[in-house]
Amino acid sequence: MGRDEHKNSNARKKQKLSQTPKHEKHGGVDVEFSQDMADHEDMEAMKRSEAADRRANHETKRKH
């Protein structure tokens, strides 16, 4: 192995991950949800979210 073979090993580490553009970021603001104004897709999304939460909580309990 010569000296040249070690120079490029750090090149992979220095690559930066792509960042989210500032105009697409939000300030972590919670949006209020109204059951009265929810449509069918909103209700379906809530059911999927609750099911995913149950699966995630079940997995964390199994690991402990």
PDB file of N, CA and C in Angstrom:
ATOM      1  N   MET A   1       0.832  -1.195   0.000  1.00  0.00           N
ATOM      2  CA  MET A   1       0.000   0.000   0.000  1.00  0.00           C
ATOM      3  C   MET A   1       0.870   1.249   0.000  1.00  0.00           C
ATOM      4  N   GLY A   2       0.575   2.113  -0.902  1.00  0.00           N
ATOM      5  CA  GLY A   2       1.310   3.366  -0.956  1.00  0.00           C
ATOM      6  C   GLY A   2       0.562   4.471  -0.229  1.00  0.00           C
ATOM      7  N   ARG A   3       1.110   5.637  -0.226  1.00  0.00           N
ATOM      8  CA  ARG A   3       0.492   6.764   0.474  1.00  0.00           C
ATOM      9  C   ARG A   3      -0.837   7.182  -0.151  1.00  0.00           C
ATOM     10  N   ASP A   4      -0.958   7.064  -1.443  1.00  0.00           N
ATOM     11  CA  ASP A   4      -2.160   7.519  -2.142  1.00  0.00           C
ATOM     12  C   ASP A   4      -3.408   6.739  -1.752  1.00  0.00           C
ATOM     13  N   GLU A   5      -3.254   5.506  -1.355  1.00  0.00           N
ATOM     14  CA  GLU A   5      -4.408   4.656  -1.116  1.00  0.00           C
ATOM     15  C   GLU A   5      -5.217   5.059   0.115  1.00  0.00           C
ATOM     16  N   HIS A   6      -4.662   5.841   0.996  1.00  0.00           N
ATOM     17  CA  HIS A   6      -5.361   6.240   2.208  1.00  0.00           C
ATOM     18  C   HIS A   6      -6.026   7.606   2.104  1.00  0.00           C
ATOM     19  N   LYS A   7      -5.716   8.368   1.092  1.00  0.00           N
ATOM     20  CA  LYS A   7      -6.225   9.732   0.984  1.00  0.00           C
ATOM     21  C   LYS A   7      -7.721   9.800   0.706  1.00  0.00           C
ATOM     22  N   ASN A   8      -8.266   8.858  -0.027  1.00  0.00           N
ATOM     23  CA  ASN A   8      -9.668   8.925  -0.427  1.00  0.00           C
ATOM     24  C   ASN A   8     -10.617   8.278   0.573  1.00  0.00           C
ATOM     25  N   SER A   9     -10.134   7.707   1.639  1.00  0.00           N
ATOM     26  CA  SER A   9     -11.028   7.035   2.586  1.00  0.00           C
ATOM     27  C   SER A   9     -11.909   8.033   3.331  1.00  0.00           C
ATOM     28  N   ASN A  10     -11.438   9.242   3.538  1.00  0.00           N
ATOM     29  CA  ASN A  10     -12.233  10.258   4.232  1.00  0.00           C
ATOM     30  C   ASN A  10     -13.213  10.970   3.311  1.00  0.00           C
ATOM     31  N   ALA A  11     -13.096  10.763   2.021  1.00  0.00           N
ATOM     32  CA  ALA A  11     -13.977  11.449   1.075  1.00  0.00           C
ATOM     33  C   ALA A  11     -15.434  11.056   1.314  1.00  0.00           C
ATOM     34  N   ARG A  12     -15.691   9.816   1.657  1.00  0.00           N
ATOM     35  CA  ARG A  12     -17.061   9.376   1.901  1.00  0.00           C
ATOM     36  C   ARG A  12     -17.616  10.002   3.172  1.00  0.00           C
ATOM     37  N   LYS A  13     -16.808  10.196   4.168  1.00  0.00           N
ATOM     38  CA  LYS A  13     -17.250  10.758   5.438  1.00  0.00           C
ATOM     39  C   LYS A  13     -17.581  12.241   5.315  1.00  0.00           C
ATOM     40  N   LYS A  14     -16.934  12.920   4.390  1.00  0.00           N
ATOM     41  CA  LYS A  14     -17.122  14.363   4.266  1.00  0.00           C
ATOM     42  C   LYS A  14     -18.343  14.739   3.430  1.00  0.00           C
ATOM     43  N   GLN A  15     -18.959  13.775   2.766  1.00  0.00           N
ATOM     44  CA  GLN A  15     -20.141  14.089   1.975  1.00  0.00           C
ATOM     45  C   GLN A  15     -21.263  14.514   2.903  1.00  0.00           C
ATOM     46  N   LYS A  16     -21.910  15.595   2.554  1.00  0.00           N
ATOM     47  CA  LYS A  16     -22.993  16.094   3.389  1.00  0.00           C
ATOM     48  C   LYS A  16     -24.322  15.548   2.913  1.00  0.00           C
ATOM     49  N   LEU A  17     -25.206  15.334   3.858  1.00  0.00           N
ATOM     50  CA  LEU A  17     -26.553  14.895   3.519  1.00  0.00           C
ATOM     51  C   LEU A  17     -27.331  16.077   2.975  1.00  0.00           C
ATOM     52  N   SER A  18     -28.266  15.800   2.103  1.00  0.00           N
ATOM     53  CA  SER A  18     -29.071  16.884   1.583  1.00  0.00           C
ATOM     54  C   SER A  18     -29.949  17.432   2.704  1.00  0.00           C
ATOM     55  N   GLN A  19     -30.095  18.720   2.749  1.00  0.00           N
ATOM     56  CA  GLN A  19     -30.836  19.381   3.810  1.00  0.00           C
ATOM     57  C   GLN A  19     -32.201  19.831   3.291  1.00  0.00           C
ATOM     58  N   THR A  20     -33.159  19.929   4.192  1.00  0.00           N
ATOM     59  CA  THR A  20     -34.486  20.412   3.831  1.00  0.00           C
ATOM     60  C   THR A  20     -34.408  21.919   3.591  1.00  0.00           C
ATOM     61  N   PRO A  21     -34.924  22.390   2.462  1.00  0.00           N
ATOM     62  CA  PRO A  21     -34.901  23.837   2.206  1.00  0.00           C
ATOM     63  C   PRO A  21     -35.687  24.594   3.278  1.00  0.00           C
ATOM     64  N   LYS A  22     -35.252  25.806   3.581  1.00  0.00           N
ATOM     65  CA  LYS A  22     -35.877  26.598   4.645  1.00  0.00           C
ATOM     66  C   LYS A  22     -37.356  26.857   4.384  1.00  0.00           C
ATOM     67  N   HIS A  23     -37.741  27.031   3.114  1.00  0.00           N
ATOM     68  CA  HIS A  23     -39.140  27.337   2.821  1.00  0.00           C
ATOM     69  C   HIS A  23     -40.056  26.131   3.041  1.00  0.00           C
ATOM     70  N   GLU A  24     -39.480  24.927   3.157  1.00  0.00           N
ATOM     71  CA  GLU A  24     -40.294  23.737   3.396  1.00  0.00           C
ATOM     72  C   GLU A  24     -40.364  23.351   4.864  1.00  0.00           C
ATOM     73  N   LYS A  25     -39.538  23.973   5.674  1.00  0.00           N
ATOM     74  CA  LYS A  25     -39.548  23.672   7.104  1.00  0.00           C
ATOM     75  C   LYS A  25     -40.691  24.411   7.772  1.00  0.00           C
ATOM     76  N   HIS A  26     -41.213  23.824   8.837  1.00  0.00           N
ATOM     77  CA  HIS A  26     -42.214  24.513   9.632  1.00  0.00           C
ATOM     78  C   HIS A  26     -41.679  24.616  11.045  1.00  0.00           C
ATOM     79  N   GLY A  27     -42.187  25.523  11.790  1.00  0.00           N
ATOM     80  CA  GLY A  27     -41.676  25.801  13.119  1.00  0.00           C
ATOM     81  C   GLY A  27     -42.157  24.844  14.181  1.00  0.00           C
ATOM     82  N   GLY A  28     -42.651  23.685  13.828  1.00  0.00           N
ATOM     83  CA  GLY A  28     -43.140  22.736  14.805  1.00  0.00           C
ATOM     84  C   GLY A  28     -44.434  23.190  15.451  1.00  0.00           C
ATOM     85  N   VAL A  29     -45.221  23.956  14.720  1.00  0.00           N
ATOM     86  CA  VAL A  29     -46.467  24.488  15.240  1.00  0.00           C
ATOM     87  C   VAL A  29     -47.544  23.408  15.154  1.00  0.00           C
ATOM     88  N   ASP A  30     -48.208  23.177  16.250  1.00  0.00           N
ATOM     89  CA  ASP A  30     -49.313  22.220  16.252  1.00  0.00           C
ATOM     90  C   ASP A  30     -50.551  22.885  15.665  1.00  0.00           C
ATOM     91  N   VAL A  31     -51.281  22.117  14.887  1.00  0.00           N
ATOM     92  CA  VAL A  31     -52.493  22.619  14.268  1.00  0.00           C
ATOM     93  C   VAL A  31     -53.678  21.977  14.975  1.00  0.00           C
ATOM     94  N   GLU A  32     -54.634  22.786  15.318  1.00  0.00           N
ATOM     95  CA  GLU A  32     -55.806  22.271  16.019  1.00  0.00           C
ATOM     96  C   GLU A  32     -56.671  21.469  15.056  1.00  0.00           C
ATOM     97  N   PHE A  33     -57.202  20.366  15.537  1.00  0.00           N
ATOM     98  CA  PHE A  33     -58.018  19.483  14.711  1.00  0.00           C
ATOM     99  C   PHE A  33     -59.448  19.520  15.215  1.00  0.00           C
ATOM    100  N   SER A  34     -60.375  19.656  14.302  1.00  0.00           N
ATOM    101  CA  SER A  34     -61.779  19.718  14.666  1.00  0.00           C
ATOM    102  C   SER A  34     -62.499  18.481  14.135  1.00  0.00           C
ATOM    103  N   GLN A  35     -63.101  17.714  15.022  1.00  0.00           N
ATOM    104  CA  GLN A  35     -63.875  16.541  14.606  1.00  0.00           C
ATOM    105  C   GLN A  35     -65.039  16.952  13.718  1.00  0.00           C
ATOM    106  N   ASP A  36     -65.619  18.115  13.972  1.00  0.00           N
ATOM    107  CA  ASP A  36     -66.777  18.567  13.201  1.00  0.00           C
ATOM    108  C   ASP A  36     -66.436  18.820  11.736  1.00  0.00           C
ATOM    109  N   MET A  37     -65.204  19.282  11.489  1.00  0.00           N
ATOM    110  CA  MET A  37     -64.814  19.627  10.125  1.00  0.00           C
ATOM    111  C   MET A  37     -64.078  18.491   9.411  1.00  0.00           C
ATOM    112  N   ALA A  38     -63.882  17.355  10.079  1.00  0.00           N
ATOM    113  CA  ALA A  38     -63.137  16.240   9.491  1.00  0.00           C
ATOM    114  C   ALA A  38     -63.975  15.537   8.427  1.00  0.00           C
ATOM    115  N   ASP A  39     -63.304  15.163   7.347  1.00  0.00           N
ATOM    116  CA  ASP A  39     -63.992  14.394   6.313  1.00  0.00           C
ATOM    117  C   ASP A  39     -63.573  12.923   6.421  1.00  0.00           C
ATOM    118  N   HIS A  40     -64.026  12.122   5.479  1.00  0.00           N
ATOM    119  CA  HIS A  40     -63.770  10.683   5.520  1.00  0.00           C
ATOM    120  C   HIS A  40     -62.268  10.373   5.515  1.00  0.00           C
ATOM    121  N   GLU A  41     -61.495  11.086   4.689  1.00  0.00           N
ATOM    122  CA  GLU A  41     -60.053  10.841   4.610  1.00  0.00           C
ATOM    123  C   GLU A  41     -59.359  11.178   5.922  1.00  0.00           C
ATOM    124  N   ASP A  42     -59.811  12.241   6.593  1.00  0.00           N
ATOM    125  CA  ASP A  42     -59.232  12.607   7.887  1.00  0.00           C
ATOM    126  C   ASP A  42     -59.478  11.515   8.920  1.00  0.00           C
ATOM    127  N   MET A  43     -60.677  10.999   8.942  1.00  0.00           N
ATOM    128  CA  MET A  43     -61.013   9.953   9.908  1.00  0.00           C
ATOM    129  C   MET A  43     -60.218   8.674   9.623  1.00  0.00           C
ATOM    130  N   GLU A  44     -60.064   8.353   8.353  1.00  0.00           N
ATOM    131  CA  GLU A  44     -59.300   7.174   7.979  1.00  0.00           C
ATOM    132  C   GLU A  44     -57.829   7.343   8.367  1.00  0.00           C
ATOM    133  N   ALA A  45     -57.295   8.531   8.157  1.00  0.00           N
ATOM    134  CA  ALA A  45     -55.906   8.804   8.535  1.00  0.00           C
ATOM    135  C   ALA A  45     -55.723   8.706  10.040  1.00  0.00           C
ATOM    136  N   MET A  46     -56.700   9.167  10.813  1.00  0.00           N
ATOM    137  CA  MET A  46     -56.607   9.066  12.269  1.00  0.00           C
ATOM    138  C   MET A  46     -56.609   7.606  12.712  1.00  0.00           C
ATOM    139  N   LYS A  47     -57.436   6.784  12.077  1.00  0.00           N
ATOM    140  CA  LYS A  47     -57.472   5.356  12.425  1.00  0.00           C
ATOM    141  C   LYS A  47     -56.134   4.690  12.120  1.00  0.00           C
ATOM    142  N   ARG A  48     -55.545   5.018  10.956  1.00  0.00           N
ATOM    143  CA  ARG A  48     -54.248   4.450  10.608  1.00  0.00           C
ATOM    144  C   ARG A  48     -53.172   4.905  11.592  1.00  0.00           C
ATOM    145  N   SER A  49     -53.229   6.171  11.986  1.00  0.00           N
ATOM    146  CA  SER A  49     -52.255   6.710  12.936  1.00  0.00           C
ATOM    147  C   SER A  49     -52.363   6.021  14.290  1.00  0.00           C
ATOM    148  N   GLU A  50     -53.581   5.830  14.762  1.00  0.00           N
ATOM    149  CA  GLU A  50     -53.786   5.161  16.046  1.00  0.00           C
ATOM    150  C   GLU A  50     -53.316   3.715  15.992  1.00  0.00           C
ATOM    151  N   ALA A  51     -53.572   3.042  14.879  1.00  0.00           N
ATOM    152  CA  ALA A  51     -53.119   1.656  14.727  1.00  0.00           C
ATOM    153  C   ALA A  51     -51.590   1.594  14.720  1.00  0.00           C
ATOM    154  N   ALA A  52     -50.961   2.539  14.058  1.00  0.00           N
ATOM    155  CA  ALA A  52     -49.495   2.567  14.033  1.00  0.00           C
ATOM    156  C   ALA A  52     -48.933   2.837  15.421  1.00  0.00           C
ATOM    157  N   ASP A  53     -49.577   3.723  16.174  1.00  0.00           N
ATOM    158  CA  ASP A  53     -49.138   3.997  17.544  1.00  0.00           C
ATOM    159  C   ASP A  53     -49.261   2.755  18.411  1.00  0.00           C
ATOM    160  N   ARG A  54     -50.357   2.017  18.257  1.00  0.00           N
ATOM    161  CA  ARG A  54     -50.529   0.790  19.037  1.00  0.00           C
ATOM    162  C   ARG A  54     -49.440  -0.226  18.694  1.00  0.00           C
ATOM    163  N   ARG A  55     -49.129  -0.364  17.396  1.00  0.00           N
ATOM    164  CA  ARG A  55     -48.077  -1.302  16.995  1.00  0.00           C
ATOM    165  C   ARG A  55     -46.729  -0.868  17.547  1.00  0.00           C
ATOM    166  N   ALA A  56     -46.435   0.426  17.494  1.00  0.00           N
ATOM    167  CA  ALA A  56     -45.156   0.930  17.993  1.00  0.00           C
ATOM    168  C   ALA A  56     -45.045   0.730  19.496  1.00  0.00           C
ATOM    169  N   ASN A  57     -46.120   0.995  20.239  1.00  0.00           N
ATOM    170  CA  ASN A  57     -46.088   0.815  21.686  1.00  0.00           C
ATOM    171  C   ASN A  57     -45.966  -0.652  22.051  1.00  0.00           C
ATOM    172  N   HIS A  58     -46.590  -1.511  21.269  1.00  0.00           N
ATOM    173  CA  HIS A  58     -46.524  -2.941  21.530  1.00  0.00           C
ATOM    174  C   HIS A  58     -45.097  -3.434  21.317  1.00  0.00           C
ATOM    175  N   GLU A  59     -44.411  -2.935  20.289  1.00  0.00           N
ATOM    176  CA  GLU A  59     -43.034  -3.343  20.000  1.00  0.00           C
ATOM    177  C   GLU A  59     -42.093  -2.890  21.107  1.00  0.00           C
ATOM    178  N   THR A  60     -42.281  -1.689  21.632  1.00  0.00           N
ATOM    179  CA  THR A  60     -41.381  -1.207  22.683  1.00  0.00           C
ATOM    180  C   THR A  60     -41.582  -1.990  23.965  1.00  0.00           C
ATOM    181  N   LYS A  61     -42.796  -2.435  24.243  1.00  0.00           N
ATOM    182  CA  LYS A  61     -43.044  -3.231  25.442  1.00  0.00           C
ATOM    183  C   LYS A  61     -42.408  -4.606  25.315  1.00  0.00           C
ATOM    184  N   ARG A  62     -42.378  -5.158  24.113  1.00  0.00           N
ATOM    185  CA  ARG A  62     -41.807  -6.490  23.903  1.00  0.00           C
ATOM    186  C   ARG A  62     -40.293  -6.479  24.087  1.00  0.00           C
ATOM    187  N   LYS A  63     -39.652  -5.366  23.738  1.00  0.00           N
ATOM    188  CA  LYS A  63     -38.182  -5.288  23.816  1.00  0.00           C
ATOM    189  C   LYS A  63     -37.697  -5.177  25.251  1.00  0.00           C
ATOM    190  N   HIS A  64     -38.513  -4.651  26.144  1.00  0.00           N
ATOM    191  CA  HIS A  64     -38.065  -4.461  27.532  1.00  0.00           C
ATOM    192  C   HIS A  64     -38.219  -5.676  28.337  1.00  0.00           C
TER     193      HIS A  64
END
